[in-house]
């Protein structure tokens, strides 16, 4: 996606980039999508993209408060 700098796609990352960010394989990310887990994604042909803001919102939604005993 380096050749798309300055385009509307600047706010997106690829499935591979998303998987790498979380230390997962692309196959795991695909499995997450099939089960409804993970952030929303955009598919254009065979290309799967994730909005950076959606990934950030999803990650924040996964935050859990630490319970104090």
C-alpha atoms as a PDB file:
ATOM      1  CA  UNK A   1       0.000   0.000   0.000  1.00  0.00           C
ATOM      2  CA  UNK A   2       3.043   2.274  -0.061  1.00  0.00           C
ATOM      3  CA  UNK A   3       2.174   3.410  -3.589  1.00  0.00           C
ATOM      4  CA  UNK A   4      -1.213   4.612  -2.321  1.00  0.00           C
ATOM      5  CA  UNK A   5       0.160   7.267   0.042  1.00  0.00           C
ATOM      6  CA  UNK A   6      -1.903  10.399  -0.050  1.00  0.00           C
ATOM      7  CA  UNK A   7      -4.982   8.437  -1.093  1.00  0.00           C
ATOM      8  CA  UNK A   8      -8.212   7.614   0.684  1.00  0.00           C
ATOM      9  CA  UNK A   9      -6.602   4.303   1.706  1.00  0.00           C
ATOM     10  CA  UNK A  10      -4.109   6.000   4.046  1.00  0.00           C
ATOM     11  CA  UNK A  11      -6.466   5.251   6.931  1.00  0.00           C
ATOM     12  CA  UNK A  12      -6.416   1.499   6.277  1.00  0.00           C
ATOM     13  CA  UNK A  13      -4.112  -1.430   6.925  1.00  0.00           C
ATOM     14  CA  UNK A  14      -4.008  -4.802   5.211  1.00  0.00           C
ATOM     15  CA  UNK A  15      -5.022  -8.105   6.773  1.00  0.00           C
ATOM     16  CA  UNK A  16      -1.341  -9.068   6.959  1.00  0.00           C
ATOM     17  CA  UNK A  17      -0.476  -5.853   8.768  1.00  0.00           C
ATOM     18  CA  UNK A  18      -3.367  -6.353  11.185  1.00  0.00           C
ATOM     19  CA  UNK A  19      -2.313  -9.934  11.910  1.00  0.00           C
ATOM     20  CA  UNK A  20       1.296  -8.894  12.434  1.00  0.00           C
ATOM     21  CA  UNK A  21       0.274  -6.107  14.864  1.00  0.00           C
ATOM     22  CA  UNK A  22      -1.329  -8.702  17.132  1.00  0.00           C
ATOM     23  CA  UNK A  23       1.139 -11.523  16.568  1.00  0.00           C
ATOM     24  CA  UNK A  24      -1.440 -13.687  14.795  1.00  0.00           C
ATOM     25  CA  UNK A  25      -1.520 -15.456  11.460  1.00  0.00           C
ATOM     26  CA  UNK A  26      -3.698 -14.343   8.558  1.00  0.00           C
ATOM     27  CA  UNK A  27      -5.603 -17.597   8.989  1.00  0.00           C
ATOM     28  CA  UNK A  28      -6.441 -16.722  12.603  1.00  0.00           C
ATOM     29  CA  UNK A  29      -7.652 -13.296  11.495  1.00  0.00           C
ATOM     30  CA  UNK A  30      -9.867 -14.977   8.871  1.00  0.00           C
ATOM     31  CA  UNK A  31     -11.256 -17.274  11.563  1.00  0.00           C
ATOM     32  CA  UNK A  32     -12.003 -14.275  13.755  1.00  0.00           C
ATOM     33  CA  UNK A  33     -13.965 -12.685  10.906  1.00  0.00           C
ATOM     34  CA  UNK A  34     -16.011 -15.861  10.383  1.00  0.00           C
ATOM     35  CA  UNK A  35     -16.999 -15.916  14.049  1.00  0.00           C
ATOM     36  CA  UNK A  36     -17.713 -12.188  14.264  1.00  0.00           C
ATOM     37  CA  UNK A  37     -14.680 -11.467  16.437  1.00  0.00           C
ATOM     38  CA  UNK A  38     -12.408  -8.554  15.662  1.00  0.00           C
ATOM     39  CA  UNK A  39     -12.979  -5.169  14.096  1.00  0.00           C
ATOM     40  CA  UNK A  40     -15.091  -4.631  10.988  1.00  0.00           C
ATOM     41  CA  UNK A  41     -13.255  -5.076   7.716  1.00  0.00           C
ATOM     42  CA  UNK A  42     -13.610  -3.977   4.130  1.00  0.00           C
ATOM     43  CA  UNK A  43     -13.217  -6.414   1.271  1.00  0.00           C
ATOM     44  CA  UNK A  44     -12.551  -5.199  -2.252  1.00  0.00           C
ATOM     45  CA  UNK A  45     -12.146  -8.210  -4.495  1.00  0.00           C
ATOM     46  CA  UNK A  46      -9.553 -10.352  -2.736  1.00  0.00           C
ATOM     47  CA  UNK A  47      -8.070  -7.460  -0.792  1.00  0.00           C
ATOM     48  CA  UNK A  48      -9.104  -7.182   2.856  1.00  0.00           C
ATOM     49  CA  UNK A  49      -8.529  -3.909   4.675  1.00  0.00           C
ATOM     50  CA  UNK A  50      -9.076  -2.688   8.214  1.00  0.00           C
ATOM     51  CA  UNK A  51      -9.746   0.926   9.113  1.00  0.00           C
ATOM     52  CA  UNK A  52      -7.129   2.128  11.587  1.00  0.00           C
ATOM     53  CA  UNK A  53      -9.827   3.914  13.588  1.00  0.00           C
ATOM     54  CA  UNK A  54     -11.964   0.749  13.707  1.00  0.00           C
ATOM     55  CA  UNK A  55      -8.998  -1.299  14.902  1.00  0.00           C
ATOM     56  CA  UNK A  56      -8.297   1.275  17.616  1.00  0.00           C
ATOM     57  CA  UNK A  57     -11.966   1.355  18.691  1.00  0.00           C
ATOM     58  CA  UNK A  58     -12.109  -2.453  18.777  1.00  0.00           C
ATOM     59  CA  UNK A  59      -8.941  -2.617  20.828  1.00  0.00           C
ATOM     60  CA  UNK A  60     -10.286  -0.051  23.315  1.00  0.00           C
ATOM     61  CA  UNK A  61     -13.529  -2.014  23.592  1.00  0.00           C
ATOM     62  CA  UNK A  62     -11.460  -5.023  24.695  1.00  0.00           C
ATOM     63  CA  UNK A  63     -10.017  -3.142  27.693  1.00  0.00           C
ATOM     64  CA  UNK A  64     -10.949  -4.604  31.039  1.00  0.00           C
ATOM     65  CA  UNK A  65     -10.785  -2.916  34.392  1.00  0.00           C
ATOM     66  CA  UNK A  66      -8.457  -4.591  36.844  1.00  0.00           C
ATOM     67  CA  UNK A  67     -10.313  -5.949  39.816  1.00  0.00           C
ATOM     68  CA  UNK A  68      -8.865  -5.011  43.165  1.00  0.00           C
ATOM     69  CA  UNK A  69      -9.291  -7.639  45.878  1.00  0.00           C
END
